[in-house]
């Protein structure tokens, strides 16, 4: 089966060093770790969130062209899975995707 493009992009975003080129295919642990728990629409929202960028659901919705309700739902799912973190600042939820680090996959649920 061919790798899912959005999952490959997400794996590269959160798994690679800037400027570093590496191959992600269906056998790469970064890929199959994500492919089993992240849908393509979740990956699209995570990609719109960006790496190490603190954004609100409104900002992410504008970046990915989804409704605010849909974006909030998907960000919530990504937070439960462990792909992004959510914290409240001044009464507003902010979301952030951190790069892969040892122990990240242990936090993900499937």
Protein backbone atom coordinates (compact mmCIF):
# COMPACT_ATOMS: atom_id res chain seq x y z
CA UNK A 1 0.00 0.00 0.00
CA UNK A 2 1.32 3.46 -0.88
CA UNK A 3 2.07 5.80 2.01
CA UNK A 4 -0.59 8.41 2.80
CA UNK A 5 0.75 11.80 1.66
CA UNK A 6 -0.55 13.87 4.60
CA UNK A 7 0.90 11.40 7.11
CA UNK A 8 4.28 11.49 5.34
CA UNK A 9 4.22 15.32 5.46
CA UNK A 10 3.31 15.27 9.16
CA UNK A 11 6.04 12.73 9.96
CA UNK A 12 8.58 14.92 8.17
CA UNK A 13 7.36 18.04 9.95
CA UNK A 14 7.57 16.66 13.46
CA UNK A 15 10.40 14.20 12.94
CA UNK A 16 13.06 16.01 10.97
CA UNK A 17 15.64 18.66 11.58
CA UNK A 18 15.31 21.81 9.47
CA UNK A 19 17.12 21.37 6.19
CA UNK A 20 17.66 17.66 6.76
CA UNK A 21 16.35 15.37 4.03
CA UNK A 22 15.35 11.87 5.00
CA UNK A 23 13.12 9.24 3.47
CA UNK A 24 9.76 8.47 4.99
CA UNK A 25 7.91 5.46 3.62
CA UNK A 26 5.37 3.02 5.02
CA UNK A 27 8.18 1.16 6.84
CA UNK A 28 9.57 4.17 8.70
CA UNK A 29 8.64 4.17 12.40
CA UNK A 30 7.67 7.84 12.18
CA UNK A 31 5.16 6.94 9.48
CA UNK A 32 3.56 3.81 10.85
CA UNK A 33 3.43 5.28 14.35
CA UNK A 34 1.30 8.12 13.02
CA UNK A 35 -0.62 6.23 10.32
CA UNK A 36 -2.24 3.96 12.88
CA UNK A 37 -3.75 6.77 14.95
CA UNK A 38 -3.98 9.91 12.80
CA UNK A 39 -6.55 10.42 10.04
CA UNK A 40 -5.75 12.42 6.93
CA UNK A 41 -8.01 15.26 8.07
CA UNK A 42 -6.29 15.32 11.48
CA UNK A 43 -2.91 15.43 9.72
CA UNK A 44 -4.11 18.33 7.56
CA UNK A 45 -5.04 20.33 10.67
CA UNK A 46 -1.75 19.46 12.41
CA UNK A 47 0.16 20.60 9.33
CA UNK A 48 -1.79 23.89 9.36
CA UNK A 49 -0.88 24.29 13.01
CA UNK A 50 2.81 24.00 12.16
CA UNK A 51 5.75 22.97 14.27
CA UNK A 52 6.35 24.91 17.50
CA UNK A 53 3.78 27.54 16.52
CA UNK A 54 1.32 28.52 19.23
CA UNK A 55 -2.01 29.07 17.53
CA UNK A 56 -5.65 29.35 18.47
CA UNK A 57 -8.35 27.23 16.83
CA UNK A 58 -9.47 30.33 14.92
CA UNK A 59 -5.98 30.81 13.46
CA UNK A 60 -5.71 27.15 12.48
CA UNK A 61 -9.19 27.16 10.90
CA UNK A 62 -8.20 30.14 8.75
CA UNK A 63 -4.95 28.41 7.70
CA UNK A 64 -6.56 25.10 6.72
CA UNK A 65 -9.86 26.42 5.33
CA UNK A 66 -12.07 24.38 7.64
CA UNK A 67 -14.94 25.54 9.78
CA UNK A 68 -14.08 26.60 13.31
CA UNK A 69 -16.26 23.83 14.75
CA UNK A 70 -14.57 21.15 12.65
CA UNK A 71 -11.10 22.53 13.42
CA UNK A 72 -11.79 22.58 17.18
CA UNK A 73 -13.00 18.97 17.05
CA UNK A 74 -9.91 17.83 15.14
CA UNK A 75 -7.53 19.79 17.40
CA UNK A 76 -9.19 18.16 20.41
CA UNK A 77 -8.69 14.73 18.87
CA UNK A 78 -5.05 15.53 18.11
CA UNK A 79 -4.54 16.64 21.72
CA UNK A 80 -6.05 13.39 23.05
CA UNK A 81 -3.82 11.35 20.73
CA UNK A 82 -0.76 13.33 21.82
CA UNK A 83 0.14 15.01 18.52
CA UNK A 84 -0.45 18.51 19.88
CA UNK A 85 -0.65 20.09 23.29
CA UNK A 86 -3.34 22.49 24.42
CA UNK A 87 -3.04 25.08 27.13
CA UNK A 88 -5.21 27.96 28.22
CA UNK A 89 -3.80 31.46 28.27
CA UNK A 90 -6.01 34.37 29.28
CA UNK A 91 -9.14 32.29 28.73
CA UNK A 92 -8.15 31.18 25.21
CA UNK A 93 -7.01 27.71 24.20
CA UNK A 94 -3.69 27.62 22.37
CA UNK A 95 -2.39 24.58 20.52
CA UNK A 96 1.18 23.59 19.68
CA UNK A 97 2.86 20.65 17.92
CA UNK A 98 6.24 19.69 19.38
CA UNK A 99 8.92 17.79 17.45
CA UNK A 100 9.33 14.06 18.02
CA UNK A 101 11.32 13.35 21.14
CA UNK A 102 12.16 10.15 22.98
CA UNK A 103 9.02 9.03 24.77
CA UNK A 104 6.55 10.80 22.46
CA UNK A 105 5.08 7.59 21.11
CA UNK A 106 4.58 6.31 24.65
CA UNK A 107 2.19 9.25 25.18
CA UNK A 108 0.12 8.47 22.08
CA UNK A 109 -2.90 6.25 22.41
CA UNK A 110 -4.35 4.08 19.73
